[in-house]
Each structure stands twice: as structure tokens, then as C-alpha cells.
Amino acid sequence: MTAPPGRQGDLFAAASPEAATSPAPLPPPLPRQHLLCWQERLLAHQSPLFAGAAGGPAAALAAGPSQGLLFDPALDAGTGGSLPLELATSLNPLELQAQSLAFWRWPSAPQQGAAIYLVMDRPAEAPSPLLLYVGETGCADRRWKGDHDCKRYLAAYSEALGRAGLSTSLSIRFWCDVPGDSQGRRRLEQTLIRRWLPPFNKETRERWATPFTADPD
């Protein structure tokens, strides 16, 4: 059945044998200035948080006006009130060991068990790092294996910056001093997402108009 005009089916219309064997043309590269502006918007939010985290929990609490987003009574219900908030503001991501995104290929993973993990970039052009993704896992040595939405974002991100002549220095960091139960970790993960607004988490992609994929999920 022929797809109605304008429907997605038109994208897969029959092509000649020659066209079928030819590689699909690459989309035009994203403009360099567009990518730099996207990074600058993210830096405007996250740089004060990195500076506050380096100064300790008290400084982190006062790092900027976005802190009003952190407290959600429903999020903290049943956890002694502000436990996720206190843990989130105690975290300095730069104190965690940076590891290759291919760490899971090593013969023995350097971390096991429950963890919060952070995917970060340290662009040479930027004055501070970028926190791109926050996740939680009960099996730190296995969570990054196989398919992962964030991996697709990172591949598109790296390709877009590379084609624009911009550098990336991607790493993953594990925070293992976290609740052992999945419910507690998810509360902490959500508090960190609300605090840092990492652009590759599904909760924040619309906010940053992430340009590296057309997939809205």
C-alpha cells in the first residue's frame, strides 16, 4: 500500500538498484557557532554549580537561583526529608575518577554494585566541563554495555562537533557512595537531574533543544 502524501512512508520509497547500493549522503554539518552557543547556554547553568561544588556543600547550595528547583516534597517523601538534596549538593563530580566510555571492555571493571554515573565532556574551548548525562544502576560494571540512549546521543554529539572542528574529551564517572536500594537511587538521580539539567537525559532534552538527534524520546 502506498503511503499517503507527507507521511513517513515516503521516506522509504522504492529506489533504483544503483541508489540502493550507494551510501546515504551525510546531512549538512551543524554550524560551528550554533554548537558553541548551545554549549554556552549549558555552561551558563552548570559552571556556577561546578564552582559551588568545589567550595563544598554550603557553597553549592548558594551557587545560583536554580537551587529553588531542587526541593520537591514528593520526591523526598519517606527518605527523612531532604536526604536526596543533601546528597546531591555534597557531590563534586570532578572529585570522581574519570574513565573511558569503553571501561566495560576492560578485563575487570574498577567499580561494582550500586552507583550513580555521570557522563561528562571537557571541551578545550570551554572554561569548565559539561555534565551531559546522569544515570543510576545497581550493577556499575554492566550498565553501560549494549544499547543505551545516551550512547546514541554521544555518538551524534561527537560527530557534530568533529565536523565543525571542535574537540571533545568524553568520560564517565561513578559515584558509589549512594543508596543501595533502587528507589533511593532513583530519587537521588532525579534530584541531580533537576539540579544540573544534563541535556541528554529525557527529562531535559526539550529544555536545551538538543540538536544532535531528531528522536524526541
N, C-alpha and C. Protein backbone atom coordinates (compact mmCIF):
# COMPACT_ATOMS: atom_id res chain seq x y z
N MET A 1 0.84 -1.19 0.00
CA MET A 1 0.00 0.00 0.00
C MET A 1 0.88 1.24 0.00
N THR A 2 0.52 2.18 -0.87
CA THR A 2 1.31 3.42 -0.95
C THR A 2 0.95 4.34 0.20
N ALA A 3 1.97 4.86 0.86
CA ALA A 3 1.72 5.76 1.98
C ALA A 3 1.14 7.07 1.49
N PRO A 4 0.20 7.67 2.24
CA PRO A 4 -0.38 8.97 1.84
C PRO A 4 0.71 10.02 1.74
N PRO A 5 0.48 11.05 0.91
CA PRO A 5 1.49 12.11 0.77
C PRO A 5 1.81 12.74 2.12
N GLY A 6 3.11 13.01 2.33
CA GLY A 6 3.53 13.67 3.55
C GLY A 6 3.73 12.74 4.72
N ARG A 7 3.40 11.47 4.58
CA ARG A 7 3.57 10.53 5.67
C ARG A 7 4.99 9.98 5.67
N GLN A 8 5.39 9.36 6.82
CA GLN A 8 6.75 8.87 6.97
C GLN A 8 7.10 7.82 5.93
N GLY A 9 6.09 7.10 5.43
CA GLY A 9 6.35 6.08 4.44
C GLY A 9 7.05 6.60 3.21
N ASP A 10 6.88 7.90 2.92
CA ASP A 10 7.54 8.47 1.74
C ASP A 10 9.05 8.42 1.86
N LEU A 11 9.55 8.37 3.09
CA LEU A 11 11.00 8.35 3.27
C LEU A 11 11.61 7.07 2.75
N PHE A 12 10.80 6.01 2.64
CA PHE A 12 11.32 4.70 2.27
C PHE A 12 10.80 4.27 0.91
N ALA A 13 10.50 5.22 0.07
CA ALA A 13 10.00 4.91 -1.27
C ALA A 13 11.04 4.12 -2.05
N ALA A 14 10.58 3.28 -2.98
CA ALA A 14 11.48 2.43 -3.75
C ALA A 14 12.50 3.27 -4.50
N ALA A 15 13.74 2.78 -4.54
CA ALA A 15 14.81 3.49 -5.24
C ALA A 15 15.43 2.55 -6.27
N SER A 16 16.20 3.10 -7.18
CA SER A 16 16.86 2.30 -8.19
C SER A 16 17.92 1.44 -7.54
N PRO A 17 18.32 0.30 -8.15
CA PRO A 17 19.39 -0.54 -7.59
C PRO A 17 20.66 0.24 -7.34
N GLU A 18 20.97 1.20 -8.24
CA GLU A 18 22.20 1.97 -8.04
C GLU A 18 22.11 2.80 -6.77
N ALA A 19 20.93 3.40 -6.55
CA ALA A 19 20.76 4.23 -5.36
C ALA A 19 20.81 3.38 -4.11
N ALA A 20 20.28 2.14 -4.20
CA ALA A 20 20.24 1.28 -3.03
C ALA A 20 21.62 0.88 -2.56
N THR A 21 22.57 0.81 -3.48
CA THR A 21 23.92 0.39 -3.10
C THR A 21 24.81 1.56 -2.75
N SER A 22 24.33 2.78 -2.95
CA SER A 22 25.14 3.96 -2.64
C SER A 22 24.91 4.38 -1.20
N PRO A 23 25.98 4.78 -0.50
CA PRO A 23 25.79 5.23 0.88
C PRO A 23 24.95 6.50 0.93
N ALA A 24 24.12 6.59 1.98
CA ALA A 24 23.28 7.77 2.12
C ALA A 24 24.16 9.00 2.34
N PRO A 25 23.85 10.11 1.71
CA PRO A 25 24.66 11.32 1.90
C PRO A 25 24.54 11.81 3.33
N LEU A 26 25.64 12.33 3.85
CA LEU A 26 25.63 12.89 5.20
C LEU A 26 24.82 14.18 5.21
N PRO A 27 24.08 14.41 6.30
CA PRO A 27 23.38 15.70 6.39
C PRO A 27 24.41 16.82 6.50
N PRO A 28 24.02 18.03 6.16
CA PRO A 28 24.98 19.14 6.28
C PRO A 28 25.41 19.31 7.73
N PRO A 29 26.67 19.67 7.95
CA PRO A 29 27.14 19.81 9.34
C PRO A 29 26.44 20.95 10.05
N LEU A 30 26.26 20.79 11.35
CA LEU A 30 25.71 21.88 12.15
C LEU A 30 26.72 23.01 12.20
N PRO A 31 26.28 24.24 12.09
CA PRO A 31 27.23 25.36 12.11
C PRO A 31 28.02 25.40 13.42
N ARG A 32 29.30 25.70 13.29
CA ARG A 32 30.18 25.77 14.46
C ARG A 32 29.62 26.73 15.52
N GLN A 33 29.16 27.90 15.09
CA GLN A 33 28.67 28.88 16.05
C GLN A 33 27.41 28.39 16.75
N HIS A 34 26.60 27.62 16.05
CA HIS A 34 25.40 27.05 16.63
C HIS A 34 25.77 26.10 17.78
N LEU A 35 26.77 25.29 17.55
CA LEU A 35 27.21 24.34 18.57
C LEU A 35 27.83 25.06 19.76
N LEU A 36 28.63 26.08 19.49
CA LEU A 36 29.25 26.85 20.58
C LEU A 36 28.19 27.56 21.42
N CYS A 37 27.19 28.09 20.78
CA CYS A 37 26.11 28.76 21.51
C CYS A 37 25.35 27.77 22.38
N TRP A 38 25.13 26.55 21.86
CA TRP A 38 24.46 25.51 22.65
C TRP A 38 25.29 25.18 23.89
N GLN A 39 26.60 25.02 23.72
CA GLN A 39 27.46 24.75 24.87
C GLN A 39 27.45 25.92 25.86
N GLU A 40 27.47 27.13 25.35
CA GLU A 40 27.50 28.30 26.23
C GLU A 40 26.23 28.40 27.09
N ARG A 41 25.09 28.03 26.52
CA ARG A 41 23.85 28.03 27.30
C ARG A 41 23.93 27.03 28.44
N LEU A 42 24.48 25.86 28.14
CA LEU A 42 24.62 24.83 29.17
C LEU A 42 25.64 25.27 30.22
N LEU A 43 26.73 25.88 29.79
CA LEU A 43 27.75 26.36 30.72
C LEU A 43 27.19 27.43 31.65
N ALA A 44 26.31 28.28 31.14
CA ALA A 44 25.75 29.35 31.98
C ALA A 44 25.02 28.78 33.18
N HIS A 45 24.41 27.60 33.01
CA HIS A 45 23.73 26.96 34.14
C HIS A 45 24.69 26.15 35.00
N GLN A 46 25.59 25.39 34.36
CA GLN A 46 26.38 24.41 35.11
C GLN A 46 27.66 24.98 35.71
N SER A 47 28.28 25.97 35.10
CA SER A 47 29.55 26.48 35.63
C SER A 47 29.43 26.93 37.08
N PRO A 48 28.38 27.68 37.49
CA PRO A 48 28.26 28.03 38.91
C PRO A 48 28.11 26.82 39.82
N LEU A 49 27.49 25.75 39.32
CA LEU A 49 27.35 24.54 40.12
C LEU A 49 28.69 23.85 40.31
N PHE A 50 29.50 23.80 39.25
CA PHE A 50 30.85 23.23 39.41
C PHE A 50 31.66 24.06 40.39
N ALA A 51 31.56 25.38 40.30
CA ALA A 51 32.29 26.24 41.22
C ALA A 51 31.80 26.07 42.64
N GLY A 52 30.48 25.96 42.82
CA GLY A 52 29.93 25.76 44.15
C GLY A 52 30.29 24.41 44.73
N ALA A 53 30.27 23.36 43.89
CA ALA A 53 30.63 22.03 44.38
C ALA A 53 32.08 21.99 44.83
N ALA A 54 32.95 22.72 44.14
CA ALA A 54 34.36 22.75 44.54
C ALA A 54 34.54 23.44 45.88
N GLY A 55 33.59 24.31 46.24
CA GLY A 55 33.68 25.02 47.51
C GLY A 55 33.01 24.31 48.66
N GLY A 56 32.38 23.16 48.40
CA GLY A 56 31.74 22.41 49.47
C GLY A 56 30.23 22.54 49.42
N PRO A 57 29.50 21.73 50.20
CA PRO A 57 28.04 21.72 50.16
C PRO A 57 27.42 23.08 50.42
N ALA A 58 27.95 23.84 51.37
CA ALA A 58 27.34 25.15 51.68
C ALA A 58 27.42 26.08 50.48
N ALA A 59 28.59 26.09 49.83
CA ALA A 59 28.74 26.93 48.65
C ALA A 59 27.85 26.44 47.52
N ALA A 60 27.71 25.11 47.40
CA ALA A 60 26.88 24.56 46.34
C ALA A 60 25.43 24.97 46.51
N LEU A 61 24.95 25.03 47.74
CA LEU A 61 23.57 25.42 47.99
C LEU A 61 23.31 26.86 47.56
N ALA A 62 24.36 27.68 47.63
CA ALA A 62 24.21 29.09 47.28
C ALA A 62 24.71 29.41 45.89
N ALA A 63 24.94 28.39 45.08
CA ALA A 63 25.61 28.59 43.79
C ALA A 63 24.78 29.36 42.79
N GLY A 64 23.46 29.36 42.90
CA GLY A 64 22.69 30.08 41.91
C GLY A 64 21.20 30.00 42.16
N PRO A 65 20.42 30.78 41.43
CA PRO A 65 18.97 30.84 41.65
C PRO A 65 18.26 29.55 41.28
N SER A 66 18.90 28.67 40.50
CA SER A 66 18.25 27.43 40.10
C SER A 66 18.05 26.50 41.28
N GLN A 67 18.65 26.77 42.44
CA GLN A 67 18.51 25.86 43.56
C GLN A 67 17.07 25.71 44.00
N GLY A 68 16.23 26.67 43.69
CA GLY A 68 14.83 26.54 44.06
C GLY A 68 14.15 25.35 43.42
N LEU A 69 14.73 24.81 42.32
CA LEU A 69 14.17 23.65 41.65
C LEU A 69 14.44 22.36 42.39
N LEU A 70 15.34 22.37 43.35
CA LEU A 70 15.81 21.12 43.92
C LEU A 70 14.81 20.47 44.84
N PHE A 71 14.14 21.22 45.68
CA PHE A 71 13.36 20.61 46.72
C PHE A 71 11.97 20.25 46.22
N ASP A 72 11.63 19.02 46.32
CA ASP A 72 10.31 18.53 45.93
C ASP A 72 9.86 17.59 47.03
N PRO A 73 8.89 17.99 47.88
CA PRO A 73 8.49 17.14 48.99
C PRO A 73 8.07 15.75 48.56
N ALA A 74 7.42 15.64 47.39
CA ALA A 74 7.02 14.31 46.92
C ALA A 74 8.22 13.46 46.61
N LEU A 75 9.27 14.09 46.03
CA LEU A 75 10.48 13.36 45.69
C LEU A 75 11.16 12.81 46.93
N ASP A 76 11.12 13.59 48.04
CA ASP A 76 11.84 13.21 49.25
C ASP A 76 10.97 12.47 50.25
N ALA A 77 9.70 12.22 49.93
CA ALA A 77 8.82 11.58 50.90
C ALA A 77 9.36 10.21 51.29
N GLY A 78 9.37 9.95 52.60
CA GLY A 78 9.81 8.66 53.10
C GLY A 78 11.30 8.50 53.17
N THR A 79 12.08 9.56 52.96
CA THR A 79 13.54 9.43 52.99
C THR A 79 14.16 10.32 54.05
N GLY A 80 13.34 10.73 55.04
CA GLY A 80 13.89 11.61 56.06
C GLY A 80 13.97 13.03 55.59
N GLY A 81 13.07 13.43 54.65
CA GLY A 81 13.01 14.83 54.25
C GLY A 81 13.98 15.16 53.14
N SER A 82 15.13 15.75 53.46
CA SER A 82 15.99 16.34 52.44
C SER A 82 17.18 15.47 52.08
N LEU A 83 17.12 14.16 52.37
CA LEU A 83 18.29 13.31 52.11
C LEU A 83 18.77 13.39 50.66
N PRO A 84 17.91 13.22 49.63
CA PRO A 84 18.43 13.34 48.26
C PRO A 84 19.06 14.69 47.98
N LEU A 85 18.46 15.76 48.51
CA LEU A 85 19.01 17.09 48.30
C LEU A 85 20.37 17.23 48.96
N GLU A 86 20.51 16.75 50.18
CA GLU A 86 21.79 16.84 50.87
C GLU A 86 22.87 16.06 50.14
N LEU A 87 22.51 14.86 49.68
CA LEU A 87 23.49 14.06 48.93
C LEU A 87 23.85 14.74 47.61
N ALA A 88 22.85 15.26 46.92
CA ALA A 88 23.10 15.90 45.62
C ALA A 88 24.02 17.10 45.76
N THR A 89 23.81 17.90 46.80
CA THR A 89 24.63 19.10 46.95
C THR A 89 26.01 18.78 47.52
N SER A 90 26.19 17.56 48.04
CA SER A 90 27.52 17.18 48.54
C SER A 90 28.43 16.68 47.43
N LEU A 91 27.87 16.43 46.25
CA LEU A 91 28.64 15.82 45.17
C LEU A 91 29.45 16.86 44.40
N ASN A 92 30.74 16.60 44.29
CA ASN A 92 31.60 17.34 43.37
C ASN A 92 31.99 16.37 42.27
N PRO A 93 31.40 16.47 41.08
CA PRO A 93 31.69 15.50 40.02
C PRO A 93 33.17 15.40 39.67
N LEU A 94 33.91 16.50 39.83
CA LEU A 94 35.32 16.49 39.45
C LEU A 94 36.19 15.71 40.43
N GLU A 95 35.64 15.35 41.58
CA GLU A 95 36.39 14.51 42.51
C GLU A 95 36.28 13.03 42.18
N LEU A 96 35.37 12.68 41.28
CA LEU A 96 35.21 11.29 40.86
C LEU A 96 36.20 10.98 39.75
N GLN A 97 36.70 9.76 39.75
CA GLN A 97 37.70 9.36 38.75
C GLN A 97 37.08 9.32 37.35
N ALA A 98 37.71 10.01 36.43
CA ALA A 98 37.26 9.99 35.04
C ALA A 98 37.73 8.69 34.38
N GLN A 99 36.82 8.03 33.66
CA GLN A 99 37.13 6.77 32.99
C GLN A 99 36.69 6.85 31.53
N SER A 100 37.32 6.02 30.72
CA SER A 100 36.93 5.90 29.32
C SER A 100 35.50 5.37 29.22
N LEU A 101 34.77 5.82 28.20
CA LEU A 101 33.43 5.28 27.98
C LEU A 101 33.47 3.80 27.61
N ALA A 102 34.62 3.29 27.24
CA ALA A 102 34.77 1.87 26.91
C ALA A 102 35.27 1.07 28.11
N PHE A 103 35.08 1.58 29.34
CA PHE A 103 35.58 0.90 30.53
C PHE A 103 35.04 -0.52 30.64
N TRP A 104 33.83 -0.75 30.14
CA TRP A 104 33.20 -2.06 30.29
C TRP A 104 33.90 -3.15 29.48
N ARG A 105 34.81 -2.75 28.59
CA ARG A 105 35.58 -3.74 27.84
C ARG A 105 36.81 -4.23 28.61
N TRP A 106 37.15 -3.58 29.71
CA TRP A 106 38.32 -3.98 30.47
C TRP A 106 38.11 -5.36 31.09
N PRO A 107 39.18 -6.12 31.30
CA PRO A 107 39.04 -7.46 31.91
C PRO A 107 38.35 -7.42 33.26
N SER A 108 38.59 -6.38 34.05
CA SER A 108 37.96 -6.25 35.36
C SER A 108 37.53 -4.80 35.55
N ALA A 109 36.21 -4.59 35.72
CA ALA A 109 35.70 -3.23 35.90
C ALA A 109 36.17 -2.66 37.23
N PRO A 110 36.51 -1.38 37.28
CA PRO A 110 37.03 -0.78 38.51
C PRO A 110 35.96 -0.52 39.56
N GLN A 111 34.67 -0.67 39.22
CA GLN A 111 33.61 -0.45 40.19
C GLN A 111 32.55 -1.54 40.06
N GLN A 112 31.91 -1.84 41.16
CA GLN A 112 30.88 -2.87 41.21
C GLN A 112 29.68 -2.32 41.97
N GLY A 113 28.53 -2.94 41.76
CA GLY A 113 27.37 -2.65 42.58
C GLY A 113 26.67 -1.34 42.26
N ALA A 114 25.96 -0.83 43.26
CA ALA A 114 25.11 0.35 43.09
C ALA A 114 25.95 1.60 42.84
N ALA A 115 25.45 2.46 41.96
CA ALA A 115 26.19 3.69 41.66
C ALA A 115 25.28 4.68 40.93
N ILE A 116 25.62 5.93 41.05
CA ILE A 116 25.16 6.99 40.15
C ILE A 116 26.32 7.23 39.18
N TYR A 117 26.02 7.33 37.88
CA TYR A 117 27.10 7.58 36.93
C TYR A 117 26.82 8.87 36.16
N LEU A 118 27.90 9.56 35.85
CA LEU A 118 27.85 10.86 35.19
C LEU A 118 28.68 10.81 33.92
N VAL A 119 28.11 11.21 32.81
CA VAL A 119 28.84 11.32 31.55
C VAL A 119 29.17 12.78 31.33
N MET A 120 30.45 13.09 31.11
CA MET A 120 30.89 14.47 31.04
C MET A 120 31.77 14.71 29.82
N ASP A 121 31.85 15.96 29.43
CA ASP A 121 32.76 16.39 28.39
C ASP A 121 33.59 17.55 28.95
N ARG A 122 34.82 17.66 28.45
CA ARG A 122 35.67 18.79 28.83
C ARG A 122 36.21 19.41 27.55
N PRO A 123 35.36 20.19 26.86
CA PRO A 123 35.80 20.80 25.59
C PRO A 123 36.97 21.75 25.82
N ALA A 124 37.92 21.73 24.91
CA ALA A 124 39.08 22.63 25.03
C ALA A 124 38.64 24.08 24.94
N GLU A 125 37.55 24.34 24.23
CA GLU A 125 37.10 25.71 24.03
C GLU A 125 36.30 26.26 25.21
N ALA A 126 35.92 25.38 26.16
CA ALA A 126 35.02 25.79 27.25
C ALA A 126 35.80 26.06 28.53
N PRO A 127 35.32 27.00 29.36
CA PRO A 127 36.02 27.32 30.60
C PRO A 127 35.79 26.30 31.71
N SER A 128 34.80 25.43 31.58
CA SER A 128 34.55 24.41 32.59
C SER A 128 33.93 23.20 31.91
N PRO A 129 33.83 22.07 32.62
CA PRO A 129 33.27 20.86 31.99
C PRO A 129 31.77 21.01 31.70
N LEU A 130 31.25 20.04 30.98
CA LEU A 130 29.83 19.92 30.72
C LEU A 130 29.36 18.57 31.26
N LEU A 131 28.33 18.59 32.07
CA LEU A 131 27.72 17.36 32.54
C LEU A 131 26.57 17.03 31.59
N LEU A 132 26.72 15.96 30.81
CA LEU A 132 25.80 15.66 29.73
C LEU A 132 24.70 14.69 30.12
N TYR A 133 24.97 13.80 31.10
CA TYR A 133 24.00 12.75 31.41
C TYR A 133 24.22 12.26 32.83
N VAL A 134 23.12 11.97 33.52
CA VAL A 134 23.15 11.37 34.86
C VAL A 134 22.29 10.11 34.82
N GLY A 135 22.82 9.00 35.33
CA GLY A 135 22.06 7.76 35.40
C GLY A 135 22.31 7.04 36.70
N GLU A 136 21.50 6.01 36.95
CA GLU A 136 21.70 5.19 38.16
C GLU A 136 21.69 3.72 37.77
N THR A 137 22.37 2.92 38.56
CA THR A 137 22.45 1.48 38.27
C THR A 137 22.69 0.69 39.55
N GLY A 138 22.25 -0.54 39.54
CA GLY A 138 22.59 -1.46 40.62
C GLY A 138 23.79 -2.32 40.27
N CYS A 139 24.25 -2.23 39.03
CA CYS A 139 25.39 -3.04 38.55
C CYS A 139 26.32 -2.14 37.75
N ALA A 140 27.19 -1.44 38.44
CA ALA A 140 28.04 -0.45 37.79
C ALA A 140 28.95 -1.06 36.73
N ASP A 141 29.29 -2.32 36.86
CA ASP A 141 30.21 -2.94 35.91
C ASP A 141 29.51 -3.36 34.62
N ARG A 142 28.16 -3.34 34.60
CA ARG A 142 27.46 -3.84 33.42
C ARG A 142 26.50 -2.83 32.79
N ARG A 143 26.18 -1.74 33.45
CA ARG A 143 25.11 -0.84 32.98
C ARG A 143 25.40 -0.24 31.61
N TRP A 144 26.65 -0.01 31.28
CA TRP A 144 26.99 0.70 30.04
C TRP A 144 27.15 -0.24 28.86
N LYS A 145 26.99 -1.55 29.08
CA LYS A 145 27.09 -2.50 27.97
C LYS A 145 25.83 -2.43 27.11
N GLY A 146 25.96 -2.83 25.85
CA GLY A 146 24.79 -2.92 24.98
C GLY A 146 24.24 -1.57 24.59
N ASP A 147 22.95 -1.57 24.19
CA ASP A 147 22.30 -0.36 23.72
C ASP A 147 22.01 0.57 24.88
N HIS A 148 22.11 1.84 24.61
CA HIS A 148 21.82 2.86 25.62
C HIS A 148 21.51 4.15 24.86
N ASP A 149 20.38 4.79 25.20
CA ASP A 149 20.01 6.02 24.50
C ASP A 149 21.13 7.05 24.53
N CYS A 150 21.79 7.16 25.68
CA CYS A 150 22.84 8.17 25.83
C CYS A 150 23.99 7.91 24.86
N LYS A 151 24.28 6.64 24.57
CA LYS A 151 25.36 6.32 23.63
C LYS A 151 25.08 6.92 22.26
N ARG A 152 23.83 6.85 21.82
CA ARG A 152 23.48 7.40 20.51
C ARG A 152 23.63 8.92 20.51
N TYR A 153 23.22 9.54 21.60
CA TYR A 153 23.40 10.99 21.71
C TYR A 153 24.88 11.35 21.67
N LEU A 154 25.68 10.61 22.40
CA LEU A 154 27.11 10.91 22.47
C LEU A 154 27.78 10.72 21.11
N ALA A 155 27.37 9.69 20.38
CA ALA A 155 27.94 9.47 19.05
C ALA A 155 27.58 10.63 18.12
N ALA A 156 26.31 11.06 18.16
CA ALA A 156 25.89 12.18 17.31
C ALA A 156 26.57 13.48 17.75
N TYR A 157 26.71 13.66 19.04
CA TYR A 157 27.38 14.85 19.60
C TYR A 157 28.83 14.91 19.15
N SER A 158 29.54 13.80 19.28
CA SER A 158 30.96 13.75 18.89
C SER A 158 31.12 14.00 17.40
N GLU A 159 30.23 13.39 16.61
CA GLU A 159 30.32 13.57 15.15
C GLU A 159 30.05 15.03 14.77
N ALA A 160 29.02 15.62 15.38
CA ALA A 160 28.66 17.01 15.05
C ALA A 160 29.80 17.96 15.39
N LEU A 161 30.39 17.79 16.58
CA LEU A 161 31.47 18.68 16.97
C LEU A 161 32.71 18.45 16.11
N GLY A 162 33.00 17.18 15.80
CA GLY A 162 34.15 16.87 14.97
C GLY A 162 34.04 17.49 13.60
N ARG A 163 32.87 17.44 12.99
CA ARG A 163 32.67 18.00 11.65
C ARG A 163 32.76 19.52 11.67
N ALA A 164 32.52 20.11 12.86
CA ALA A 164 32.63 21.57 12.98
C ALA A 164 34.03 22.00 13.44
N GLY A 165 34.95 21.04 13.58
CA GLY A 165 36.30 21.37 14.00
C GLY A 165 36.42 21.64 15.49
N LEU A 166 35.48 21.12 16.30
CA LEU A 166 35.52 21.31 17.74
C LEU A 166 35.91 20.00 18.41
N SER A 167 36.60 20.09 19.52
CA SER A 167 37.11 18.90 20.19
C SER A 167 36.14 18.42 21.28
N THR A 168 36.26 17.13 21.62
CA THR A 168 35.55 16.57 22.76
C THR A 168 36.54 15.79 23.61
N SER A 169 36.25 15.68 24.89
CA SER A 169 37.02 14.85 25.81
C SER A 169 36.03 14.19 26.76
N LEU A 170 35.40 13.12 26.27
CA LEU A 170 34.31 12.48 26.99
C LEU A 170 34.83 11.52 28.04
N SER A 171 34.10 11.43 29.15
CA SER A 171 34.45 10.48 30.21
C SER A 171 33.19 10.09 30.95
N ILE A 172 33.29 9.01 31.71
CA ILE A 172 32.22 8.58 32.59
C ILE A 172 32.80 8.45 34.00
N ARG A 173 32.02 8.85 34.99
CA ARG A 173 32.47 8.84 36.38
C ARG A 173 31.40 8.16 37.22
N PHE A 174 31.81 7.34 38.17
CA PHE A 174 30.89 6.59 39.00
C PHE A 174 30.96 7.07 40.44
N TRP A 175 29.79 7.32 41.02
CA TRP A 175 29.65 7.70 42.42
C TRP A 175 29.03 6.51 43.13
N CYS A 176 29.81 5.82 43.93
CA CYS A 176 29.36 4.57 44.55
C CYS A 176 28.86 4.74 45.98
N ASP A 177 29.02 5.93 46.56
CA ASP A 177 28.53 6.19 47.91
C ASP A 177 27.09 6.67 47.83
N VAL A 178 26.21 5.76 47.40
CA VAL A 178 24.81 6.09 47.12
C VAL A 178 23.91 5.04 47.75
N PRO A 179 22.60 5.30 47.84
CA PRO A 179 21.69 4.29 48.42
C PRO A 179 21.77 2.97 47.68
N GLY A 180 21.70 1.88 48.44
CA GLY A 180 21.75 0.55 47.83
C GLY A 180 20.43 0.14 47.21
N ASP A 181 19.32 0.72 47.65
CA ASP A 181 18.02 0.36 47.10
C ASP A 181 17.72 1.21 45.86
N SER A 182 17.04 0.60 44.90
CA SER A 182 16.80 1.28 43.61
C SER A 182 15.93 2.51 43.78
N GLN A 183 14.95 2.46 44.69
CA GLN A 183 14.08 3.61 44.88
C GLN A 183 14.87 4.82 45.39
N GLY A 184 15.76 4.59 46.34
CA GLY A 184 16.57 5.68 46.86
C GLY A 184 17.50 6.24 45.80
N ARG A 185 18.09 5.36 44.98
CA ARG A 185 18.97 5.84 43.90
C ARG A 185 18.21 6.66 42.88
N ARG A 186 17.00 6.23 42.55
CA ARG A 186 16.23 6.98 41.55
C ARG A 186 15.84 8.35 42.08
N ARG A 187 15.53 8.44 43.36
CA ARG A 187 15.24 9.76 43.93
C ARG A 187 16.48 10.66 43.84
N LEU A 188 17.64 10.07 44.15
CA LEU A 188 18.88 10.84 44.08
C LEU A 188 19.19 11.22 42.63
N GLU A 189 19.01 10.28 41.72
CA GLU A 189 19.24 10.56 40.29
C GLU A 189 18.37 11.73 39.83
N GLN A 190 17.08 11.69 40.19
CA GLN A 190 16.17 12.76 39.75
C GLN A 190 16.54 14.10 40.37
N THR A 191 17.00 14.08 41.63
CA THR A 191 17.43 15.33 42.26
C THR A 191 18.64 15.91 41.54
N LEU A 192 19.58 15.04 41.16
CA LEU A 192 20.75 15.51 40.42
C LEU A 192 20.36 16.04 39.04
N ILE A 193 19.42 15.38 38.38
CA ILE A 193 18.97 15.85 37.07
C ILE A 193 18.31 17.22 37.21
N ARG A 194 17.50 17.40 38.23
CA ARG A 194 16.84 18.69 38.45
C ARG A 194 17.85 19.78 38.81
N ARG A 195 18.94 19.37 39.44
CA ARG A 195 19.97 20.35 39.84
C ARG A 195 20.85 20.76 38.67
N TRP A 196 21.39 19.77 37.93
CA TRP A 196 22.38 20.03 36.88
C TRP A 196 21.75 20.21 35.50
N LEU A 197 20.54 19.71 35.29
CA LEU A 197 19.87 19.78 33.99
C LEU A 197 20.75 19.25 32.85
N PRO A 198 21.26 18.02 32.97
CA PRO A 198 22.10 17.47 31.89
C PRO A 198 21.27 17.28 30.62
N PRO A 199 21.77 17.70 29.47
CA PRO A 199 20.94 17.79 28.27
C PRO A 199 20.58 16.48 27.62
N PHE A 200 21.28 15.37 27.93
CA PHE A 200 20.97 14.11 27.27
C PHE A 200 20.02 13.24 28.09
N ASN A 201 19.59 13.68 29.26
CA ASN A 201 18.53 12.99 29.98
C ASN A 201 17.18 13.36 29.36
N LYS A 202 16.28 12.40 29.29
CA LYS A 202 15.00 12.64 28.63
C LYS A 202 14.21 13.76 29.30
N GLU A 203 14.43 13.95 30.61
CA GLU A 203 13.68 14.98 31.33
C GLU A 203 14.05 16.41 30.90
N THR A 204 15.21 16.56 30.26
CA THR A 204 15.71 17.92 29.99
C THR A 204 15.99 18.19 28.51
N ARG A 205 15.82 17.21 27.65
CA ARG A 205 16.19 17.40 26.24
C ARG A 205 15.41 18.55 25.60
N GLU A 206 14.13 18.65 25.93
CA GLU A 206 13.32 19.71 25.32
C GLU A 206 13.80 21.08 25.78
N ARG A 207 14.22 21.19 27.05
CA ARG A 207 14.70 22.48 27.57
C ARG A 207 15.87 23.01 26.77
N TRP A 208 16.82 22.11 26.43
CA TRP A 208 18.04 22.55 25.75
C TRP A 208 17.94 22.49 24.24
N ALA A 209 16.79 22.03 23.71
CA ALA A 209 16.64 21.89 22.26
C ALA A 209 17.86 21.18 21.68
N THR A 210 18.16 20.02 22.27
CA THR A 210 19.36 19.26 21.90
C THR A 210 19.40 19.02 20.40
N PRO A 211 20.41 19.52 19.69
CA PRO A 211 20.41 19.48 18.23
C PRO A 211 20.99 18.21 17.63
N PHE A 212 21.39 17.23 18.45
CA PHE A 212 22.19 16.13 17.93
C PHE A 212 21.38 14.92 17.49
N THR A 213 20.06 14.98 17.65
CA THR A 213 19.20 13.91 17.17
C THR A 213 17.81 14.44 17.03
N ALA A 214 17.06 13.86 16.11
CA ALA A 214 15.67 14.26 15.92
C ALA A 214 14.72 13.38 16.74
N ASP A 215 15.28 12.40 17.47
CA ASP A 215 14.46 11.48 18.25
C ASP A 215 14.00 12.18 19.52
N PRO A 216 12.69 12.40 19.73
CA PRO A 216 12.23 13.11 20.91
C PRO A 216 12.14 12.27 22.15
N ASP A 217 12.32 10.95 22.08
CA ASP A 217 12.15 10.09 23.25
C ASP A 217 13.38 10.09 24.14
